[in-house]
Amino acid sequence: MQEDLRRAGIEPWAWVVNNSIAAAAPTSALLRRRAANELPEIDAVRTRYAHTAIVPLLAVELIGIPALTGLSE
């Protein structure tokens, strides 16, 4: 995907892994299994690209600047 962006003249600066089950630290056995399957993919992104943000799967969608600002705190 990064190469596709570069061909389009867009230089990626960072990557966001959004709605990560692994980052949400689930307690359900099924979701823990799904989270474990996510980890190699997340690790590949973190290893290949310098700037990476991981956003957990949230119970409530964040809307608005104050809610989004809370992700960085």
N, C-alpha and C. Protein backbone atom coordinates (compact mmCIF):
# COMPACT_ATOMS: atom_id res chain seq x y z
N MET A 1 0.82 -1.19 0.00
CA MET A 1 0.00 0.00 0.00
C MET A 1 0.87 1.26 0.00
N GLN A 2 1.96 1.22 0.73
CA GLN A 2 2.84 2.38 0.79
C GLN A 2 3.39 2.72 -0.59
N GLU A 3 3.74 1.71 -1.35
CA GLU A 3 4.25 1.95 -2.71
C GLU A 3 3.16 2.54 -3.60
N ASP A 4 1.92 2.11 -3.42
CA ASP A 4 0.81 2.68 -4.20
C ASP A 4 0.67 4.17 -3.90
N LEU A 5 0.79 4.53 -2.63
CA LEU A 5 0.72 5.95 -2.25
C LEU A 5 1.85 6.74 -2.89
N ARG A 6 3.04 6.17 -2.85
CA ARG A 6 4.19 6.87 -3.43
C ARG A 6 4.02 7.07 -4.94
N ARG A 7 3.48 6.06 -5.64
CA ARG A 7 3.23 6.22 -7.07
C ARG A 7 2.23 7.34 -7.33
N ALA A 8 1.35 7.58 -6.39
CA ALA A 8 0.35 8.64 -6.53
C ALA A 8 0.91 9.99 -6.09
N GLY A 9 2.20 10.01 -5.70
CA GLY A 9 2.82 11.26 -5.28
C GLY A 9 2.55 11.62 -3.83
N ILE A 10 2.14 10.64 -3.04
CA ILE A 10 1.87 10.87 -1.61
C ILE A 10 2.93 10.13 -0.81
N GLU A 11 3.67 10.87 0.01
CA GLU A 11 4.70 10.26 0.85
C GLU A 11 4.11 10.01 2.23
N PRO A 12 3.89 8.75 2.60
CA PRO A 12 3.32 8.45 3.92
C PRO A 12 4.30 8.84 5.03
N TRP A 13 3.76 9.45 6.07
CA TRP A 13 4.58 9.82 7.22
C TRP A 13 4.36 8.86 8.38
N ALA A 14 3.13 8.39 8.53
CA ALA A 14 2.81 7.50 9.65
C ALA A 14 1.70 6.53 9.24
N TRP A 15 1.59 5.46 10.01
CA TRP A 15 0.54 4.47 9.79
C TRP A 15 -0.30 4.36 11.06
N VAL A 16 -1.59 4.18 10.89
CA VAL A 16 -2.51 4.00 12.01
C VAL A 16 -3.14 2.62 11.91
N VAL A 17 -3.03 1.86 12.97
CA VAL A 17 -3.74 0.59 13.09
C VAL A 17 -4.97 0.92 13.91
N ASN A 18 -6.12 0.92 13.25
CA ASN A 18 -7.36 1.37 13.86
C ASN A 18 -8.21 0.18 14.31
N ASN A 19 -8.97 0.37 15.38
CA ASN A 19 -9.88 -0.66 15.90
C ASN A 19 -9.15 -1.96 16.24
N SER A 20 -8.02 -1.84 16.89
CA SER A 20 -7.23 -3.01 17.25
C SER A 20 -7.86 -3.73 18.43
N ILE A 21 -8.17 -4.99 18.22
CA ILE A 21 -8.69 -5.81 19.32
C ILE A 21 -7.58 -6.06 20.33
N ALA A 22 -6.37 -6.30 19.83
CA ALA A 22 -5.24 -6.56 20.73
C ALA A 22 -4.99 -5.38 21.67
N ALA A 23 -5.08 -4.17 21.16
CA ALA A 23 -4.85 -2.99 21.99
C ALA A 23 -5.98 -2.76 22.98
N ALA A 24 -7.13 -3.37 22.74
CA ALA A 24 -8.28 -3.21 23.64
C ALA A 24 -8.20 -4.14 24.85
N ALA A 25 -7.25 -5.07 24.87
CA ALA A 25 -7.05 -6.02 25.97
C ALA A 25 -8.36 -6.73 26.34
N PRO A 26 -8.90 -7.52 25.42
CA PRO A 26 -10.17 -8.18 25.68
C PRO A 26 -10.05 -9.26 26.75
N THR A 27 -11.17 -9.58 27.39
CA THR A 27 -11.19 -10.64 28.40
C THR A 27 -11.86 -11.91 27.86
N SER A 28 -12.66 -11.77 26.85
CA SER A 28 -13.33 -12.92 26.23
C SER A 28 -12.30 -13.83 25.56
N ALA A 29 -12.47 -15.13 25.72
CA ALA A 29 -11.53 -16.09 25.11
C ALA A 29 -11.51 -15.95 23.59
N LEU A 30 -12.67 -15.78 22.98
CA LEU A 30 -12.73 -15.64 21.53
C LEU A 30 -11.99 -14.39 21.07
N LEU A 31 -12.23 -13.26 21.75
CA LEU A 31 -11.56 -12.02 21.36
C LEU A 31 -10.07 -12.05 21.66
N ARG A 32 -9.67 -12.74 22.73
CA ARG A 32 -8.23 -12.89 23.00
C ARG A 32 -7.55 -13.66 21.88
N ARG A 33 -8.24 -14.68 21.34
CA ARG A 33 -7.71 -15.45 20.23
C ARG A 33 -7.58 -14.57 18.99
N ARG A 34 -8.60 -13.77 18.72
CA ARG A 34 -8.54 -12.85 17.57
C ARG A 34 -7.43 -11.82 17.76
N ALA A 35 -7.27 -11.34 19.00
CA ALA A 35 -6.22 -10.37 19.30
C ALA A 35 -4.84 -10.98 19.05
N ALA A 36 -4.67 -12.23 19.44
CA ALA A 36 -3.38 -12.90 19.22
C ALA A 36 -3.08 -13.02 17.73
N ASN A 37 -4.11 -13.21 16.92
CA ASN A 37 -3.91 -13.30 15.47
C ASN A 37 -3.54 -11.95 14.88
N GLU A 38 -3.92 -10.87 15.53
CA GLU A 38 -3.61 -9.51 15.08
C GLU A 38 -2.15 -9.14 15.32
N LEU A 39 -1.58 -9.69 16.37
CA LEU A 39 -0.25 -9.25 16.82
C LEU A 39 0.85 -9.35 15.75
N PRO A 40 0.93 -10.44 14.97
CA PRO A 40 1.98 -10.47 13.93
C PRO A 40 1.82 -9.35 12.90
N GLU A 41 0.58 -9.03 12.55
CA GLU A 41 0.34 -7.96 11.58
C GLU A 41 0.74 -6.60 12.17
N ILE A 42 0.37 -6.37 13.42
CA ILE A 42 0.74 -5.12 14.09
C ILE A 42 2.26 -5.02 14.19
N ASP A 43 2.90 -6.12 14.55
CA ASP A 43 4.36 -6.12 14.66
C ASP A 43 5.01 -5.82 13.31
N ALA A 44 4.45 -6.35 12.23
CA ALA A 44 4.99 -6.08 10.89
C ALA A 44 4.91 -4.60 10.56
N VAL A 45 3.80 -3.97 10.90
CA VAL A 45 3.65 -2.53 10.63
C VAL A 45 4.64 -1.74 11.48
N ARG A 46 4.74 -2.07 12.76
CA ARG A 46 5.65 -1.34 13.65
C ARG A 46 7.11 -1.51 13.23
N THR A 47 7.46 -2.67 12.72
CA THR A 47 8.83 -2.95 12.33
C THR A 47 9.20 -2.24 11.03
N ARG A 48 8.27 -2.20 10.09
CA ARG A 48 8.56 -1.64 8.76
C ARG A 48 8.48 -0.13 8.70
N TYR A 49 7.64 0.48 9.52
CA TYR A 49 7.38 1.91 9.39
C TYR A 49 7.72 2.63 10.68
N ALA A 50 8.39 3.77 10.55
CA ALA A 50 8.91 4.49 11.71
C ALA A 50 7.81 4.99 12.64
N HIS A 51 6.80 5.59 12.10
CA HIS A 51 5.75 6.20 12.93
C HIS A 51 4.49 5.37 12.83
N THR A 52 4.09 4.82 13.97
CA THR A 52 2.90 3.97 14.00
C THR A 52 2.06 4.32 15.21
N ALA A 53 0.76 4.43 15.01
CA ALA A 53 -0.17 4.65 16.12
C ALA A 53 -1.13 3.47 16.14
N ILE A 54 -1.39 2.95 17.33
CA ILE A 54 -2.31 1.84 17.49
C ILE A 54 -3.51 2.36 18.27
N VAL A 55 -4.69 2.27 17.67
CA VAL A 55 -5.92 2.74 18.30
C VAL A 55 -6.76 1.52 18.64
N PRO A 56 -7.10 1.34 19.92
CA PRO A 56 -7.87 0.16 20.31
C PRO A 56 -9.31 0.22 19.81
N LEU A 57 -9.91 -0.96 19.71
CA LEU A 57 -11.34 -1.04 19.45
C LEU A 57 -12.03 -0.47 20.68
N LEU A 58 -12.93 0.47 20.48
CA LEU A 58 -13.61 1.14 21.58
C LEU A 58 -15.09 0.78 21.61
N ALA A 59 -15.67 0.78 22.79
CA ALA A 59 -17.09 0.47 22.94
C ALA A 59 -17.96 1.59 22.38
N VAL A 60 -17.44 2.83 22.45
CA VAL A 60 -18.18 4.00 21.98
C VAL A 60 -17.32 4.75 20.97
N GLU A 61 -17.91 5.09 19.84
CA GLU A 61 -17.17 5.83 18.82
C GLU A 61 -16.84 7.23 19.31
N LEU A 62 -15.59 7.64 19.11
CA LEU A 62 -15.16 8.97 19.52
C LEU A 62 -15.56 9.99 18.46
N ILE A 63 -16.24 11.01 18.90
CA ILE A 63 -16.69 12.06 17.98
C ILE A 63 -16.29 13.40 18.57
N GLY A 64 -15.65 14.23 17.76
CA GLY A 64 -15.28 15.57 18.20
C GLY A 64 -13.85 15.65 18.67
N ILE A 65 -13.34 16.87 18.67
CA ILE A 65 -11.95 17.12 19.02
C ILE A 65 -11.62 16.71 20.46
N PRO A 66 -12.45 17.09 21.46
CA PRO A 66 -12.09 16.67 22.83
C PRO A 66 -11.99 15.15 23.00
N ALA A 67 -12.89 14.43 22.37
CA ALA A 67 -12.85 12.97 22.49
C ALA A 67 -11.61 12.40 21.82
N LEU A 68 -11.29 12.92 20.64
CA LEU A 68 -10.10 12.44 19.93
C LEU A 68 -8.82 12.83 20.64
N THR A 69 -8.81 14.00 21.26
CA THR A 69 -7.63 14.44 22.01
C THR A 69 -7.34 13.48 23.16
N GLY A 70 -8.39 12.91 23.72
CA GLY A 70 -8.22 11.95 24.82
C GLY A 70 -7.42 10.73 24.43
N LEU A 71 -7.36 10.39 23.15
CA LEU A 71 -6.56 9.24 22.72
C LEU A 71 -5.08 9.47 22.93
N SER A 72 -4.64 10.71 22.89
CA SER A 72 -3.21 10.99 23.00
C SER A 72 -2.76 11.21 24.43
N GLU A 73 -3.66 11.18 25.35
CA GLU A 73 -3.30 11.40 26.76
C GLU A 73 -2.98 10.12 27.48
